[in-house]
């Protein structure tokens, strides 16, 4: 198996982002987006996904965090797609439900080559305290941008939960464990009757 890594830059009038991803890492991360809660979630993705991940992002946070969160999802998805290449030998499908205290989010995904997001999380809605506070609605935008650029199918369904932080972190940990399983190489062929993903 070759090195499954990617390094990309993306700059717009709203954001400037650099990401380095090693899918077969050991869970190390160095993340700085100007949004401490978002940094924490991306670090969870790296730790529980077994990735080495570096994210350096600056954006127009004085306007809104939306651009930074969405553009990070776009670039991270591009990095994952590039790192996986033709996906030869990967398991492809995976699911996980990782609890965080009272919260549980069920995740299923497919490295399908077809972008689709089913997002059924409905946290209480209050902003997560921090400097600056984080709007939980932005997580749907992150996951949509990520799956579109990565060309994967992802379903997230809230089973139960009351604490917004716990719900969102359960989602990130569940996606991370699912991705860790789905990208595992266990054969030599592309896992599709079409011969391509």
N, C-alpha and C. Protein backbone atom coordinates (compact mmCIF):
# COMPACT_ATOMS: atom_id res chain seq x y z
N UNK A 1 0.85 -1.19 0.00
CA UNK A 1 0.00 0.00 0.00
C UNK A 1 0.89 1.24 0.00
N UNK A 2 0.62 2.16 -0.90
CA UNK A 2 1.38 3.40 -0.95
C UNK A 2 0.94 4.36 0.15
N UNK A 3 1.61 5.48 0.22
CA UNK A 3 1.25 6.47 1.22
C UNK A 3 -0.06 7.15 0.85
N UNK A 4 -0.99 7.14 1.78
CA UNK A 4 -2.29 7.77 1.54
C UNK A 4 -2.29 9.12 2.25
N UNK A 5 -1.74 10.09 1.55
CA UNK A 5 -1.57 11.41 2.11
C UNK A 5 -2.01 12.47 1.10
N UNK A 6 -2.29 13.66 1.62
CA UNK A 6 -2.63 14.78 0.76
C UNK A 6 -2.29 16.07 1.48
N UNK A 7 -1.88 17.05 0.69
CA UNK A 7 -1.63 18.39 1.23
C UNK A 7 -2.23 19.38 0.24
N UNK A 8 -3.10 20.26 0.73
CA UNK A 8 -3.77 21.21 -0.16
C UNK A 8 -3.90 22.58 0.48
N UNK A 9 -4.00 23.59 -0.38
CA UNK A 9 -4.23 24.98 0.01
C UNK A 9 -5.47 25.47 -0.73
N UNK A 10 -6.20 26.37 -0.09
CA UNK A 10 -7.37 26.98 -0.73
C UNK A 10 -7.50 28.40 -0.22
N UNK A 11 -7.54 29.35 -1.14
CA UNK A 11 -7.68 30.75 -0.75
C UNK A 11 -8.80 31.39 -1.55
N UNK A 12 -9.66 32.12 -0.84
CA UNK A 12 -10.72 32.90 -1.47
C UNK A 12 -10.70 34.29 -0.84
N UNK A 13 -11.63 35.12 -1.24
CA UNK A 13 -11.74 36.45 -0.63
C UNK A 13 -12.20 36.35 0.82
N UNK A 14 -12.71 35.17 1.24
CA UNK A 14 -13.26 35.00 2.58
C UNK A 14 -12.37 34.19 3.52
N UNK A 15 -11.61 33.23 2.96
CA UNK A 15 -10.80 32.34 3.80
C UNK A 15 -9.48 31.99 3.13
N UNK A 16 -8.53 31.60 3.97
CA UNK A 16 -7.27 31.04 3.50
C UNK A 16 -6.99 29.82 4.36
N UNK A 17 -6.91 28.65 3.73
CA UNK A 17 -6.84 27.39 4.48
C UNK A 17 -5.76 26.50 3.90
N UNK A 18 -5.00 25.87 4.78
CA UNK A 18 -4.04 24.84 4.39
C UNK A 18 -4.29 23.60 5.22
N UNK A 19 -4.34 22.44 4.56
CA UNK A 19 -4.58 21.17 5.25
C UNK A 19 -3.58 20.14 4.79
N UNK A 20 -3.07 19.38 5.75
CA UNK A 20 -2.22 18.22 5.48
C UNK A 20 -2.88 17.02 6.15
N UNK A 21 -3.07 15.94 5.39
CA UNK A 21 -3.77 14.75 5.90
C UNK A 21 -2.98 13.49 5.58
N UNK A 22 -2.78 12.67 6.59
CA UNK A 22 -2.23 11.32 6.43
C UNK A 22 -3.27 10.37 6.99
N UNK A 23 -3.94 9.64 6.11
CA UNK A 23 -5.03 8.75 6.52
C UNK A 23 -4.52 7.63 7.41
N UNK A 24 -3.27 7.21 7.22
CA UNK A 24 -2.71 6.10 7.98
C UNK A 24 -1.76 6.60 9.06
N UNK A 25 -2.21 7.60 9.80
CA UNK A 25 -1.38 8.19 10.84
C UNK A 25 -1.63 7.52 12.19
N UNK A 26 -1.33 8.28 13.25
CA UNK A 26 -1.52 7.75 14.60
C UNK A 26 -2.37 8.68 15.47
N UNK A 27 -3.18 9.51 14.82
CA UNK A 27 -4.13 10.34 15.56
C UNK A 27 -3.61 11.67 16.03
N UNK A 28 -2.49 12.12 15.48
CA UNK A 28 -1.92 13.40 15.87
C UNK A 28 -2.59 14.54 15.09
N UNK A 29 -2.78 15.67 15.75
CA UNK A 29 -3.39 16.80 15.06
C UNK A 29 -2.78 18.12 15.52
N UNK A 30 -2.80 19.07 14.61
CA UNK A 30 -2.40 20.44 14.88
C UNK A 30 -3.40 21.31 14.13
N UNK A 31 -4.39 21.83 14.84
CA UNK A 31 -5.53 22.49 14.21
C UNK A 31 -5.69 23.90 14.76
N UNK A 32 -5.80 24.86 13.87
CA UNK A 32 -6.03 26.25 14.26
C UNK A 32 -6.93 26.92 13.23
N UNK A 33 -8.18 27.17 13.62
CA UNK A 33 -9.15 27.80 12.72
C UNK A 33 -9.66 29.13 13.25
N UNK A 34 -9.27 29.49 14.47
CA UNK A 34 -9.84 30.67 15.10
C UNK A 34 -11.15 30.39 15.82
N UNK A 35 -11.59 29.11 15.78
CA UNK A 35 -12.84 28.68 16.40
C UNK A 35 -12.51 27.51 17.33
N UNK A 36 -12.29 27.76 18.61
CA UNK A 36 -11.80 26.71 19.51
C UNK A 36 -12.65 25.44 19.54
N UNK A 37 -13.97 25.58 19.53
CA UNK A 37 -14.81 24.37 19.54
C UNK A 37 -14.63 23.57 18.25
N UNK A 38 -14.57 24.24 17.12
CA UNK A 38 -14.36 23.57 15.84
C UNK A 38 -13.00 22.89 15.82
N UNK A 39 -11.98 23.55 16.36
CA UNK A 39 -10.65 22.93 16.48
C UNK A 39 -10.75 21.62 17.26
N UNK A 40 -11.50 21.66 18.35
CA UNK A 40 -11.68 20.48 19.20
C UNK A 40 -12.35 19.34 18.43
N UNK A 41 -13.35 19.67 17.61
CA UNK A 41 -14.03 18.64 16.84
C UNK A 41 -13.10 18.03 15.77
N UNK A 42 -12.32 18.87 15.10
CA UNK A 42 -11.39 18.36 14.08
C UNK A 42 -10.31 17.50 14.72
N UNK A 43 -9.90 17.87 15.92
CA UNK A 43 -8.93 17.04 16.65
C UNK A 43 -9.53 15.68 16.99
N UNK A 44 -10.83 15.64 17.32
CA UNK A 44 -11.50 14.37 17.58
C UNK A 44 -11.53 13.50 16.31
N UNK A 45 -11.77 14.14 15.18
CA UNK A 45 -11.80 13.42 13.91
C UNK A 45 -10.45 12.76 13.64
N UNK A 46 -9.38 13.50 13.91
CA UNK A 46 -8.04 12.95 13.70
C UNK A 46 -7.75 11.83 14.69
N UNK A 47 -7.98 12.08 15.96
CA UNK A 47 -7.64 11.10 17.00
C UNK A 47 -8.36 9.79 16.79
N UNK A 48 -9.68 9.85 16.61
CA UNK A 48 -10.46 8.62 16.53
C UNK A 48 -10.51 8.03 15.12
N UNK A 49 -10.12 8.85 14.13
CA UNK A 49 -10.00 8.32 12.77
C UNK A 49 -8.63 7.74 12.47
N UNK A 50 -7.69 7.94 13.39
CA UNK A 50 -6.33 7.45 13.17
C UNK A 50 -5.58 8.26 12.13
N UNK A 51 -5.98 9.52 11.96
CA UNK A 51 -5.33 10.39 10.98
C UNK A 51 -4.24 11.21 11.64
N UNK A 52 -3.26 11.62 10.86
CA UNK A 52 -2.44 12.77 11.21
C UNK A 52 -2.99 13.94 10.41
N UNK A 53 -3.37 15.00 11.11
CA UNK A 53 -4.09 16.09 10.47
C UNK A 53 -3.54 17.43 10.92
N UNK A 54 -3.24 18.27 9.95
CA UNK A 54 -2.85 19.64 10.23
C UNK A 54 -3.80 20.57 9.49
N UNK A 55 -4.39 21.51 10.21
CA UNK A 55 -5.30 22.49 9.61
C UNK A 55 -4.90 23.88 10.08
N UNK A 56 -4.63 24.75 9.15
CA UNK A 56 -4.35 26.16 9.45
C UNK A 56 -5.33 26.98 8.63
N UNK A 57 -6.26 27.64 9.32
CA UNK A 57 -7.31 28.38 8.61
C UNK A 57 -7.46 29.77 9.19
N UNK A 58 -7.62 30.73 8.32
CA UNK A 58 -7.99 32.08 8.74
C UNK A 58 -9.15 32.52 7.85
N UNK A 59 -10.13 33.15 8.47
CA UNK A 59 -11.31 33.56 7.71
C UNK A 59 -11.92 34.82 8.27
N UNK A 60 -12.99 35.24 7.64
CA UNK A 60 -13.66 36.49 8.02
C UNK A 60 -14.60 36.26 9.21
N UNK A 61 -14.01 35.89 10.34
CA UNK A 61 -14.80 35.57 11.52
C UNK A 61 -15.56 36.77 12.06
N UNK A 62 -15.09 37.97 11.73
CA UNK A 62 -15.83 39.16 12.16
C UNK A 62 -17.18 39.25 11.48
N UNK A 63 -17.30 38.62 10.30
CA UNK A 63 -18.58 38.57 9.59
C UNK A 63 -19.41 37.42 10.13
N UNK A 64 -18.81 36.22 10.12
CA UNK A 64 -19.52 35.00 10.50
C UNK A 64 -18.53 33.85 10.43
N UNK A 65 -18.79 32.78 11.19
CA UNK A 65 -17.92 31.60 11.14
C UNK A 65 -18.26 30.67 9.98
N UNK A 66 -19.37 30.94 9.31
CA UNK A 66 -19.86 30.05 8.26
C UNK A 66 -18.81 29.76 7.19
N UNK A 67 -18.16 30.80 6.68
CA UNK A 67 -17.20 30.60 5.58
C UNK A 67 -16.03 29.73 6.01
N UNK A 68 -15.51 29.97 7.21
CA UNK A 68 -14.37 29.19 7.70
C UNK A 68 -14.74 27.73 7.87
N UNK A 69 -15.90 27.46 8.47
CA UNK A 69 -16.33 26.08 8.71
C UNK A 69 -16.61 25.36 7.40
N UNK A 70 -17.37 26.00 6.51
CA UNK A 70 -17.72 25.35 5.24
C UNK A 70 -16.48 25.13 4.37
N UNK A 71 -15.62 26.14 4.27
CA UNK A 71 -14.44 26.01 3.41
C UNK A 71 -13.46 24.98 3.95
N UNK A 72 -13.38 24.84 5.27
CA UNK A 72 -12.56 23.78 5.85
C UNK A 72 -13.11 22.42 5.46
N UNK A 73 -14.44 22.28 5.48
CA UNK A 73 -15.06 21.02 5.04
C UNK A 73 -14.77 20.72 3.59
N UNK A 74 -14.83 21.73 2.74
CA UNK A 74 -14.53 21.55 1.31
C UNK A 74 -13.11 21.02 1.13
N UNK A 75 -12.15 21.68 1.77
CA UNK A 75 -10.75 21.31 1.56
C UNK A 75 -10.41 19.98 2.20
N UNK A 76 -10.97 19.70 3.38
CA UNK A 76 -10.72 18.41 4.02
C UNK A 76 -11.28 17.27 3.18
N UNK A 77 -12.46 17.47 2.60
CA UNK A 77 -13.03 16.46 1.72
C UNK A 77 -12.16 16.22 0.50
N UNK A 78 -11.61 17.29 -0.08
CA UNK A 78 -10.71 17.15 -1.22
C UNK A 78 -9.46 16.37 -0.83
N UNK A 79 -8.94 16.66 0.35
CA UNK A 79 -7.75 15.94 0.82
C UNK A 79 -8.04 14.45 1.00
N UNK A 80 -9.17 14.12 1.59
CA UNK A 80 -9.51 12.71 1.79
C UNK A 80 -9.65 12.00 0.46
N UNK A 81 -10.36 12.63 -0.48
CA UNK A 81 -10.56 12.00 -1.79
C UNK A 81 -9.22 11.76 -2.49
N UNK A 82 -8.33 12.75 -2.43
CA UNK A 82 -7.02 12.61 -3.06
C UNK A 82 -6.18 11.53 -2.37
N UNK A 83 -6.21 11.51 -1.04
CA UNK A 83 -5.41 10.54 -0.29
C UNK A 83 -5.85 9.11 -0.56
N UNK A 84 -7.15 8.89 -0.77
CA UNK A 84 -7.65 7.54 -0.99
C UNK A 84 -7.47 7.05 -2.43
N UNK A 85 -7.20 7.97 -3.34
CA UNK A 85 -6.94 7.57 -4.73
C UNK A 85 -8.09 6.77 -5.32
N UNK A 86 -7.78 5.63 -5.92
CA UNK A 86 -8.84 4.83 -6.55
C UNK A 86 -9.56 3.91 -5.56
N UNK A 87 -9.19 3.98 -4.28
CA UNK A 87 -9.82 3.23 -3.19
C UNK A 87 -9.67 1.73 -3.35
N UNK A 88 -8.67 1.32 -4.05
CA UNK A 88 -8.43 -0.11 -4.26
C UNK A 88 -8.20 -0.81 -2.92
N UNK A 89 -8.99 -1.84 -2.68
CA UNK A 89 -8.81 -2.69 -1.50
C UNK A 89 -9.49 -2.22 -0.23
N UNK A 90 -10.09 -1.01 -0.23
CA UNK A 90 -10.69 -0.52 1.01
C UNK A 90 -11.95 -1.30 1.35
N UNK A 91 -12.34 -1.27 2.63
CA UNK A 91 -13.56 -1.95 3.06
C UNK A 91 -14.80 -1.27 2.48
N UNK A 92 -14.76 0.04 2.31
CA UNK A 92 -15.78 0.87 1.68
C UNK A 92 -16.92 1.26 2.60
N UNK A 93 -17.63 0.31 3.18
CA UNK A 93 -18.79 0.61 4.04
C UNK A 93 -18.41 0.53 5.51
N UNK A 94 -19.02 1.37 6.33
CA UNK A 94 -18.80 1.27 7.78
C UNK A 94 -19.90 2.02 8.51
N UNK A 95 -20.06 1.66 9.78
CA UNK A 95 -21.01 2.37 10.63
C UNK A 95 -20.50 2.32 12.07
N UNK A 96 -20.95 3.28 12.86
CA UNK A 96 -20.57 3.33 14.27
C UNK A 96 -21.55 4.23 15.01
N UNK A 97 -21.69 3.96 16.28
CA UNK A 97 -22.47 4.82 17.17
C UNK A 97 -21.66 4.97 18.45
N UNK A 98 -21.02 6.11 18.60
CA UNK A 98 -20.12 6.35 19.73
C UNK A 98 -20.81 7.28 20.73
N UNK A 99 -21.03 6.83 21.96
CA UNK A 99 -21.72 7.68 22.93
C UNK A 99 -20.78 8.71 23.56
N UNK A 100 -21.35 9.81 23.96
CA UNK A 100 -20.68 10.76 24.86
C UNK A 100 -21.70 11.12 25.93
N UNK A 101 -21.54 10.49 27.07
CA UNK A 101 -22.50 10.64 28.18
C UNK A 101 -23.91 10.33 27.69
N UNK A 102 -24.83 11.29 27.76
CA UNK A 102 -26.23 11.02 27.41
C UNK A 102 -26.48 11.04 25.90
N UNK A 103 -25.49 11.48 25.13
CA UNK A 103 -25.68 11.68 23.69
C UNK A 103 -25.19 10.47 22.90
N UNK A 104 -25.94 10.15 21.87
CA UNK A 104 -25.56 9.05 20.97
C UNK A 104 -26.00 9.41 19.56
N UNK A 105 -25.04 9.38 18.63
CA UNK A 105 -25.31 9.64 17.21
C UNK A 105 -24.92 8.40 16.42
N UNK A 106 -25.85 7.95 15.59
CA UNK A 106 -25.64 6.78 14.75
C UNK A 106 -25.14 7.24 13.38
N UNK A 107 -24.05 6.66 12.91
CA UNK A 107 -23.44 7.05 11.64
C UNK A 107 -23.27 5.84 10.74
N UNK A 108 -23.58 6.01 9.47
CA UNK A 108 -23.28 5.01 8.45
C UNK A 108 -22.73 5.75 7.24
N UNK A 109 -21.70 5.15 6.62
CA UNK A 109 -21.12 5.83 5.46
C UNK A 109 -20.66 4.82 4.42
N UNK A 110 -20.48 5.35 3.22
CA UNK A 110 -20.07 4.59 2.06
C UNK A 110 -19.11 5.45 1.25
N UNK A 111 -17.92 4.92 0.98
CA UNK A 111 -16.95 5.63 0.13
C UNK A 111 -17.37 5.43 -1.32
N UNK A 112 -18.53 5.90 -1.65
CA UNK A 112 -19.27 5.50 -2.85
C UNK A 112 -18.86 6.20 -4.13
N UNK A 113 -18.23 7.38 -4.00
CA UNK A 113 -18.03 8.22 -5.17
C UNK A 113 -19.26 9.05 -5.49
N UNK A 114 -20.31 8.90 -4.67
CA UNK A 114 -21.56 9.65 -4.85
C UNK A 114 -21.82 10.48 -3.60
N UNK A 115 -21.73 11.79 -3.70
CA UNK A 115 -21.94 12.63 -2.53
C UNK A 115 -23.40 12.65 -2.10
N UNK A 116 -23.63 12.34 -0.82
CA UNK A 116 -24.97 12.44 -0.27
C UNK A 116 -24.86 12.59 1.24
N UNK A 117 -25.61 13.53 1.80
CA UNK A 117 -25.64 13.72 3.25
C UNK A 117 -27.07 13.62 3.74
N UNK A 118 -27.29 12.73 4.70
CA UNK A 118 -28.55 12.72 5.47
C UNK A 118 -28.18 13.18 6.87
N UNK A 119 -28.69 14.33 7.26
CA UNK A 119 -28.32 14.95 8.53
C UNK A 119 -29.55 15.10 9.40
N UNK A 120 -29.65 14.24 10.40
CA UNK A 120 -30.83 14.23 11.26
C UNK A 120 -30.39 14.47 12.71
N UNK A 121 -29.71 15.59 12.91
CA UNK A 121 -29.32 16.01 14.26
C UNK A 121 -30.11 17.27 14.58
N UNK A 122 -30.65 17.30 15.76
CA UNK A 122 -31.42 18.47 16.18
C UNK A 122 -31.05 18.84 17.60
N UNK A 123 -29.82 19.39 17.78
CA UNK A 123 -29.44 19.78 19.13
C UNK A 123 -30.30 20.94 19.62
N UNK A 124 -30.30 21.16 20.94
CA UNK A 124 -31.17 22.20 21.50
C UNK A 124 -31.02 23.56 20.84
N UNK A 125 -29.84 23.86 20.28
CA UNK A 125 -29.73 25.07 19.48
C UNK A 125 -28.94 26.20 20.09
N UNK A 126 -28.66 26.13 21.39
CA UNK A 126 -27.90 27.24 21.98
C UNK A 126 -26.47 27.22 21.45
N UNK A 127 -25.88 28.39 21.36
CA UNK A 127 -24.50 28.47 20.94
C UNK A 127 -23.61 27.85 22.01
N UNK A 128 -22.52 27.25 21.55
CA UNK A 128 -21.56 26.65 22.47
C UNK A 128 -20.62 27.75 22.93
N UNK A 129 -20.52 27.91 24.24
CA UNK A 129 -19.72 29.00 24.79
C UNK A 129 -18.26 28.83 24.42
N UNK A 130 -17.60 29.91 24.23
CA UNK A 130 -16.20 29.94 23.85
C UNK A 130 -15.90 31.33 23.34
N UNK A 131 -14.71 31.52 22.83
CA UNK A 131 -14.33 32.83 22.32
C UNK A 131 -13.73 32.67 20.93
N UNK A 132 -14.56 32.83 19.88
CA UNK A 132 -15.98 33.22 19.93
C UNK A 132 -16.89 32.02 20.18
N UNK A 133 -18.15 32.27 20.56
CA UNK A 133 -19.12 31.17 20.67
C UNK A 133 -19.30 30.49 19.31
N UNK A 134 -19.74 29.23 19.36
CA UNK A 134 -19.90 28.46 18.12
C UNK A 134 -21.36 28.12 17.89
N UNK A 135 -21.84 28.38 16.68
CA UNK A 135 -23.22 28.09 16.30
C UNK A 135 -23.32 26.64 15.84
N UNK A 136 -24.04 25.77 16.55
CA UNK A 136 -24.10 24.35 16.19
C UNK A 136 -24.70 24.09 14.82
N UNK A 137 -25.49 25.02 14.29
CA UNK A 137 -26.07 24.83 12.95
C UNK A 137 -24.99 24.73 11.88
N UNK A 138 -23.81 25.27 12.15
CA UNK A 138 -22.74 25.25 11.16
C UNK A 138 -22.21 23.85 10.90
N UNK A 139 -22.46 22.92 11.81
CA UNK A 139 -21.94 21.57 11.61
C UNK A 139 -22.60 20.88 10.41
N UNK A 140 -23.86 21.17 10.17
CA UNK A 140 -24.49 20.60 8.98
C UNK A 140 -23.80 21.12 7.72
N UNK A 141 -23.42 22.39 7.72
CA UNK A 141 -22.72 22.95 6.55
C UNK A 141 -21.34 22.31 6.39
N UNK A 142 -20.66 22.05 7.50
CA UNK A 142 -19.36 21.38 7.43
C UNK A 142 -19.48 20.00 6.81
N UNK A 143 -20.42 19.21 7.33
CA UNK A 143 -20.54 17.83 6.83
C UNK A 143 -20.99 17.81 5.37
N UNK A 144 -21.87 18.73 4.98
CA UNK A 144 -22.31 18.77 3.58
C UNK A 144 -21.14 19.10 2.66
N UNK A 145 -20.34 20.08 3.05
CA UNK A 145 -19.17 20.45 2.25
C UNK A 145 -18.18 19.30 2.19
N UNK A 146 -17.98 18.63 3.31
CA UNK A 146 -17.03 17.51 3.39
C UNK A 146 -17.46 16.36 2.48
N UNK A 147 -18.72 15.92 2.59
CA UNK A 147 -19.13 14.76 1.80
C UNK A 147 -19.19 15.09 0.30
N UNK A 148 -19.53 16.32 -0.03
CA UNK A 148 -19.57 16.71 -1.44
C UNK A 148 -18.18 16.65 -2.05
N UNK A 149 -17.19 17.20 -1.36
CA UNK A 149 -15.83 17.20 -1.89
C UNK A 149 -15.17 15.82 -1.82
N UNK A 150 -15.49 15.05 -0.79
CA UNK A 150 -14.91 13.71 -0.65
C UNK A 150 -15.62 12.69 -1.53
N UNK A 151 -16.82 13.03 -2.00
CA UNK A 151 -17.66 12.13 -2.79
C UNK A 151 -17.96 10.85 -2.01
N UNK A 152 -18.53 11.05 -0.82
CA UNK A 152 -18.95 9.91 -0.01
C UNK A 152 -20.42 10.10 0.39
N UNK A 153 -21.03 9.01 0.79
CA UNK A 153 -22.39 9.03 1.32
C UNK A 153 -22.29 8.94 2.84
N UNK A 154 -22.98 9.85 3.54
CA UNK A 154 -22.89 9.90 5.00
C UNK A 154 -24.27 10.13 5.59
N UNK A 155 -24.64 9.28 6.53
CA UNK A 155 -25.89 9.42 7.28
C UNK A 155 -25.55 9.65 8.75
N UNK A 156 -26.08 10.71 9.32
CA UNK A 156 -25.94 10.98 10.76
C UNK A 156 -27.33 11.12 11.35
N UNK A 157 -27.62 10.30 12.36
CA UNK A 157 -28.94 10.31 12.98
C UNK A 157 -28.78 10.38 14.50
N UNK A 158 -29.40 11.38 15.10
CA UNK A 158 -29.37 11.51 16.55
C UNK A 158 -30.29 10.45 17.17
N UNK A 159 -29.72 9.59 17.98
CA UNK A 159 -30.50 8.59 18.70
C UNK A 159 -31.09 9.22 19.96
N UNK A 160 -30.23 9.93 20.72
CA UNK A 160 -30.68 10.64 21.90
C UNK A 160 -29.61 11.64 22.32
N UNK A 161 -30.00 12.61 23.12
CA UNK A 161 -29.05 13.58 23.62
C UNK A 161 -29.72 14.89 23.99
N UNK A 162 -29.15 15.58 24.98
CA UNK A 162 -29.67 16.86 25.43
C UNK A 162 -28.62 17.97 25.35
N UNK A 163 -27.37 17.62 25.55
CA UNK A 163 -26.30 18.60 25.57
C UNK A 163 -25.74 18.79 24.17
N UNK A 164 -25.77 20.02 23.67
CA UNK A 164 -25.35 20.28 22.29
C UNK A 164 -23.91 19.87 22.04
N UNK A 165 -23.02 20.22 22.95
CA UNK A 165 -21.61 19.83 22.82
C UNK A 165 -21.48 18.31 22.70
N UNK A 166 -22.16 17.58 23.57
CA UNK A 166 -22.09 16.13 23.56
C UNK A 166 -22.62 15.54 22.26
N UNK A 167 -23.71 16.09 21.76
CA UNK A 167 -24.31 15.59 20.52
C UNK A 167 -23.34 15.77 19.36
N UNK A 168 -22.78 16.96 19.21
CA UNK A 168 -21.88 17.21 18.09
C UNK A 168 -20.60 16.40 18.21
N UNK A 169 -20.10 16.24 19.43
CA UNK A 169 -18.87 15.45 19.60
C UNK A 169 -19.13 13.96 19.36
N UNK A 170 -20.28 13.47 19.77
CA UNK A 170 -20.65 12.09 19.46
C UNK A 170 -20.67 11.87 17.95
N UNK A 171 -21.19 12.87 17.21
CA UNK A 171 -21.23 12.77 15.75
C UNK A 171 -19.83 12.69 15.17
N UNK A 172 -18.93 13.56 15.62
CA UNK A 172 -17.58 13.56 15.08
C UNK A 172 -16.85 12.26 15.40
N UNK A 173 -17.01 11.77 16.62
CA UNK A 173 -16.34 10.52 16.99
C UNK A 173 -16.92 9.34 16.21
N UNK A 174 -18.22 9.35 16.00
CA UNK A 174 -18.85 8.26 15.24
C UNK A 174 -18.41 8.28 13.78
N UNK A 175 -18.33 9.47 13.18
CA UNK A 175 -17.83 9.57 11.80
C UNK A 175 -16.37 9.13 11.74
N UNK A 176 -15.58 9.56 12.72
CA UNK A 176 -14.16 9.20 12.73
C UNK A 176 -13.96 7.69 12.78
N UNK A 177 -14.69 7.03 13.68
CA UNK A 177 -14.53 5.57 13.78
C UNK A 177 -15.03 4.87 12.52
N UNK A 178 -16.09 5.41 11.91
CA UNK A 178 -16.60 4.82 10.67
C UNK A 178 -15.59 4.99 9.54
N UNK A 179 -15.01 6.18 9.42
CA UNK A 179 -14.01 6.40 8.37
C UNK A 179 -12.79 5.51 8.59
N UNK A 180 -12.37 5.38 9.84
CA UNK A 180 -11.21 4.53 10.15
C UNK A 180 -11.45 3.10 9.66
N UNK A 181 -12.67 2.63 9.83
CA UNK A 181 -13.03 1.27 9.41
C UNK A 181 -13.17 1.19 7.90
N UNK A 182 -13.84 2.19 7.29
CA UNK A 182 -14.14 2.14 5.86
C UNK A 182 -12.88 2.22 5.00
N UNK A 183 -11.86 2.95 5.44
CA UNK A 183 -10.66 3.11 4.61
C UNK A 183 -9.65 1.98 4.83
N UNK A 184 -9.93 1.09 5.77
CA UNK A 184 -9.01 -0.02 6.04
C UNK A 184 -8.86 -0.89 4.80
N UNK A 185 -7.63 -1.17 4.45
CA UNK A 185 -7.36 -1.99 3.28
C UNK A 185 -7.42 -3.46 3.68
N UNK A 186 -8.27 -4.22 2.98
CA UNK A 186 -8.42 -5.64 3.29
C UNK A 186 -8.41 -6.51 2.03
N UNK A 187 -8.12 -5.90 0.89
CA UNK A 187 -8.07 -6.66 -0.35
C UNK A 187 -7.23 -5.94 -1.37
N UNK A 188 -7.39 -6.32 -2.64
CA UNK A 188 -6.60 -5.71 -3.69
C UNK A 188 -7.45 -5.07 -4.79
N UNK A 189 -8.76 -5.36 -4.77
CA UNK A 189 -9.64 -4.87 -5.81
C UNK A 189 -10.44 -3.67 -5.35
N UNK A 190 -10.98 -2.93 -6.31
CA UNK A 190 -11.92 -1.87 -6.00
C UNK A 190 -13.24 -2.52 -5.58
N UNK A 191 -13.77 -2.20 -4.41
CA UNK A 191 -14.97 -2.88 -3.92
C UNK A 191 -16.27 -2.37 -4.56
N UNK A 192 -16.39 -2.65 -5.86
CA UNK A 192 -17.58 -2.24 -6.60
C UNK A 192 -17.71 -3.11 -7.83
N UNK A 193 -18.94 -3.51 -8.17
CA UNK A 193 -19.15 -4.28 -9.40
C UNK A 193 -18.89 -3.44 -10.64
N UNK A 194 -18.89 -2.12 -10.47
CA UNK A 194 -18.57 -1.23 -11.60
C UNK A 194 -17.07 -1.19 -11.90
N UNK A 195 -16.28 -1.55 -10.89
CA UNK A 195 -14.83 -1.50 -11.03
C UNK A 195 -14.24 -0.15 -10.71
N UNK A 196 -15.09 0.77 -10.26
CA UNK A 196 -14.60 2.11 -9.90
C UNK A 196 -15.49 2.70 -8.82
N UNK A 197 -14.91 3.56 -8.01
CA UNK A 197 -15.68 4.28 -6.98
C UNK A 197 -15.40 5.76 -7.13
